[in-house]
Amino acid sequence: MRSKVLEIIGGMAIALVVVGMVSSYLLVNFLMVVLPGFGDSVYREASKGPYDMHSLIRMTILALMMVVVVYFILWAAHHSLTRMSFLKRMSFNEALYGVFQVTGHHVVFNLLAVALLLCSLVLNMWVTAIHAVTHYSLTSIEALSPEIPENTRLRLKVDFYCMRNADDFYYFQRKLQVLSKARNVTLPDFDLL
């Protein structure tokens, strides 16, 4: 029984790591190409700050832990029902019906678990993109601060907090690049991961 539980938990952990590490970069870019609203929401929400981002990640981890706990409960129910059917000397048809009933719950729960994993993956990619935009923008403004007037620095911050969509971010990024070339300042690279 212990080995089965370890198999279930280990399998889900490996799946999370593999899917998260291998697919996140490709899926972020794919979603930004296919769903323009996804990219827009990333840039629109970029000024929310780190506390909201951390709470989103905590909610995702809590949801995934609930998946593991409920999966274990369903597996234990399936195991105990199978043993009880033999102890009570149920007929074969009754035992088979009980096993199929619990297994059916397993199938439904597996589908819900996969949907939750995909949603959490998209949520974490969204948070990663928000963090990348925020970090790039604020770090670039700080790098330019010694070389530009105070009113220009404040204007850049206003532009950052007023970003509504991807076009605003590209315009803001272009403005930063023009200022950096004029002042001979090296800006950080923009990377989603």
Protein backbone atom coordinates (compact mmCIF):
# COMPACT_ATOMS: atom_id res chain seq x y z
CA MET A 1 0.00 0.00 0.00
CA ARG A 2 2.81 2.39 0.88
CA SER A 3 4.51 1.78 -2.47
CA LYS A 4 1.28 2.55 -4.33
CA VAL A 5 0.89 5.86 -2.49
CA LEU A 6 4.50 6.76 -3.24
CA GLU A 7 3.96 5.85 -6.90
CA ILE A 8 0.93 8.13 -7.14
CA ILE A 9 2.57 11.09 -5.38
CA GLY A 10 5.91 10.60 -7.15
CA GLY A 11 4.24 10.29 -10.54
CA MET A 12 2.27 13.50 -10.06
CA ALA A 13 5.37 15.34 -8.81
CA ILE A 14 7.45 14.20 -11.80
CA ALA A 15 4.64 15.13 -14.19
CA LEU A 16 4.40 18.61 -12.66
CA VAL A 17 8.14 19.20 -12.93
CA VAL A 18 8.46 17.86 -16.48
CA VAL A 19 5.40 19.68 -17.83
CA GLY A 20 6.27 22.91 -16.02
CA MET A 21 9.94 23.02 -16.98
CA VAL A 22 9.71 21.79 -20.56
CA SER A 23 6.50 23.40 -21.78
CA SER A 24 6.16 26.73 -19.99
CA TYR A 25 8.24 28.86 -22.37
CA LEU A 26 6.64 27.39 -25.51
CA LEU A 27 3.11 27.63 -24.13
CA VAL A 28 3.52 31.25 -23.04
CA ASN A 29 4.60 32.29 -26.52
CA PHE A 30 1.93 30.13 -28.17
CA LEU A 31 -0.82 31.68 -26.02
CA MET A 32 0.43 35.19 -26.75
CA VAL A 33 0.28 34.50 -30.49
CA VAL A 34 -3.06 32.65 -30.55
CA LEU A 35 -4.85 34.68 -27.85
CA PRO A 36 -4.05 38.40 -28.08
CA GLY A 37 -6.14 38.97 -24.96
CA PHE A 38 -3.75 36.78 -22.95
CA GLY A 39 -0.79 39.00 -23.78
CA ASP A 40 -2.87 42.11 -23.17
CA SER A 41 -3.94 40.92 -19.73
CA VAL A 42 -0.32 40.16 -18.82
CA TYR A 43 0.77 43.72 -19.54
CA ARG A 44 -2.37 45.28 -18.07
CA GLU A 45 -1.86 43.48 -14.76
CA ALA A 46 1.91 44.04 -14.67
CA SER A 47 1.68 46.82 -12.08
CA LYS A 48 -0.13 44.77 -9.41
CA GLY A 49 3.09 44.08 -7.50
CA PRO A 50 4.69 40.98 -6.01
CA TYR A 51 2.18 40.29 -3.23
CA ASP A 52 -0.66 39.38 -5.59
CA MET A 53 1.71 37.23 -7.63
CA HIS A 54 2.85 35.32 -4.56
CA SER A 55 -0.74 34.75 -3.44
CA LEU A 56 -1.60 33.33 -6.88
CA ILE A 57 1.28 30.89 -6.64
CA ARG A 58 0.24 29.89 -3.11
CA MET A 59 -3.33 29.25 -4.29
CA THR A 60 -2.02 27.07 -7.11
CA ILE A 61 0.18 25.01 -4.79
CA LEU A 62 -2.74 24.57 -2.37
CA ALA A 63 -4.99 23.39 -5.21
CA LEU A 64 -2.39 20.87 -6.38
CA MET A 65 -1.97 19.56 -2.81
CA MET A 66 -5.74 19.06 -2.66
CA VAL A 67 -5.52 17.04 -5.88
CA VAL A 68 -2.96 14.72 -4.27
CA VAL A 69 -4.99 14.36 -1.05
CA VAL A 70 -8.28 13.62 -2.84
CA TYR A 71 -6.51 11.21 -5.18
CA PHE A 72 -5.16 9.32 -2.15
CA ILE A 73 -8.63 9.23 -0.54
CA LEU A 74 -10.20 7.83 -3.72
CA TRP A 75 -7.46 5.23 -4.04
CA ALA A 76 -7.94 4.18 -0.37
CA ALA A 77 -11.72 3.95 -0.88
CA HIS A 78 -11.21 1.79 -3.95
CA HIS A 79 -8.78 -0.47 -2.05
CA SER A 80 -11.03 -0.84 1.02
CA LEU A 81 -14.16 -1.47 -1.08
CA THR A 82 -12.39 -4.23 -2.97
CA ARG A 83 -11.26 -5.89 0.30
CA MET A 84 -14.69 -5.53 1.92
CA SER A 85 -16.39 -7.18 -1.03
CA PHE A 86 -14.37 -10.32 -0.42
CA LEU A 87 -14.86 -10.19 3.38
CA LYS A 88 -18.64 -9.88 3.10
CA ARG A 89 -18.78 -12.58 0.46
CA MET A 90 -20.63 -10.39 -2.04
CA SER A 91 -21.55 -11.89 -5.33
CA PHE A 92 -19.14 -11.36 -8.19
CA ASN A 93 -21.55 -8.98 -9.94
CA GLU A 94 -21.93 -6.82 -6.82
CA ALA A 95 -18.18 -6.66 -6.28
CA LEU A 96 -17.58 -5.84 -9.95
CA TYR A 97 -20.23 -3.11 -9.86
CA GLY A 98 -18.62 -1.58 -6.75
CA VAL A 99 -15.17 -1.62 -8.35
CA PHE A 100 -16.46 -0.01 -11.56
CA GLN A 101 -18.32 2.63 -9.55
CA VAL A 102 -15.19 3.70 -7.65
CA THR A 103 -13.05 3.42 -10.80
CA GLY A 104 -15.54 5.70 -12.55
CA HIS A 105 -14.94 8.30 -9.85
CA HIS A 106 -11.22 7.81 -10.47
CA VAL A 107 -11.68 8.58 -14.18
CA VAL A 108 -13.73 11.71 -13.47
CA PHE A 109 -11.22 12.85 -10.88
CA ASN A 110 -8.31 12.20 -13.23
CA LEU A 111 -9.95 14.45 -15.83
CA LEU A 112 -10.48 17.15 -13.19
CA ALA A 113 -6.87 16.77 -12.03
CA VAL A 114 -5.55 17.18 -15.58
CA ALA A 115 -7.72 20.27 -16.08
CA LEU A 116 -6.48 21.72 -12.79
CA LEU A 117 -2.85 21.03 -13.70
CA LEU A 118 -3.27 22.76 -17.07
CA CYS A 119 -5.00 25.75 -15.45
CA SER A 120 -2.26 26.01 -12.82
CA LEU A 121 0.39 25.82 -15.53
CA VAL A 122 -1.24 28.68 -17.45
CA LEU A 123 -1.62 30.65 -14.20
CA ASN A 124 2.05 30.21 -13.32
CA MET A 125 3.12 31.18 -16.86
CA TRP A 126 0.91 34.27 -16.61
CA VAL A 127 2.51 35.19 -13.27
CA THR A 128 5.99 34.57 -14.74
CA ALA A 129 5.25 36.91 -17.65
CA ILE A 130 3.92 39.60 -15.29
CA HIS A 131 7.06 39.33 -13.18
CA ALA A 132 9.29 39.55 -16.29
CA VAL A 133 7.54 42.70 -17.56
CA THR A 134 7.64 44.36 -14.13
CA HIS A 135 11.28 43.46 -13.47
CA TYR A 136 12.44 44.59 -16.93
CA SER A 137 10.56 47.89 -16.81
CA LEU A 138 11.53 48.97 -13.30
CA THR A 139 15.16 47.81 -13.64
CA SER A 140 15.49 49.72 -16.92
CA ILE A 141 14.08 52.89 -15.34
CA GLU A 142 16.52 52.57 -12.43
CA ALA A 143 19.44 52.02 -14.83
CA LEU A 144 18.53 55.20 -16.72
CA SER A 145 17.82 57.29 -13.59
CA PRO A 146 21.35 58.76 -13.12
CA GLU A 147 21.49 59.87 -16.77
CA ILE A 148 18.04 61.41 -17.26
CA PRO A 149 16.18 64.36 -15.65
CA GLU A 150 13.80 63.69 -12.76
CA ASN A 151 10.71 64.64 -14.79
CA THR A 152 11.69 62.13 -17.53
CA ARG A 153 12.09 59.39 -14.91
CA LEU A 154 8.69 60.18 -13.43
CA ARG A 155 7.15 60.20 -16.91
CA LEU A 156 8.60 56.74 -17.58
CA LYS A 157 7.08 55.44 -14.35
CA VAL A 158 3.71 56.91 -15.28
CA ASP A 159 3.96 55.26 -18.71
CA PHE A 160 4.76 51.94 -17.02
CA TYR A 161 1.80 52.07 -14.63
CA CYS A 162 -0.54 53.15 -17.45
CA MET A 163 0.25 50.21 -19.73
CA ARG A 164 -2.98 48.55 -20.89
CA ASN A 165 -1.94 46.11 -23.59
CA ALA A 166 0.95 44.61 -25.54
CA ASP A 167 1.18 47.60 -27.89
CA ASP A 168 1.70 49.92 -24.92
CA PHE A 169 4.51 47.71 -23.65
CA TYR A 170 6.24 47.62 -27.04
CA TYR A 171 5.99 51.41 -27.26
CA PHE A 172 7.38 51.72 -23.73
CA GLN A 173 10.21 49.30 -24.54
CA ARG A 174 11.07 51.29 -27.68
CA LYS A 175 11.19 54.53 -25.66
CA LEU A 176 13.58 52.90 -23.17
CA GLN A 177 15.85 51.71 -25.98
CA VAL A 178 15.99 55.17 -27.58
CA LEU A 179 16.90 56.76 -24.24
CA SER A 180 19.54 54.10 -23.53
CA LYS A 181 21.23 54.64 -26.91
CA ALA A 182 21.22 58.41 -26.47
CA ARG A 183 22.72 58.13 -22.95
CA ASN A 184 24.96 55.11 -23.71
CA VAL A 185 23.34 53.02 -20.95
CA THR A 186 23.05 49.22 -21.13
CA LEU A 187 19.55 47.94 -20.36
CA PRO A 188 18.75 44.44 -19.05
CA ASP A 189 17.50 41.84 -21.51
CA PHE A 190 13.77 41.12 -21.56
CA ASP A 191 13.25 37.41 -20.97
CA LEU A 192 10.03 35.66 -20.01
CA LEU A 193 11.87 32.98 -18.00
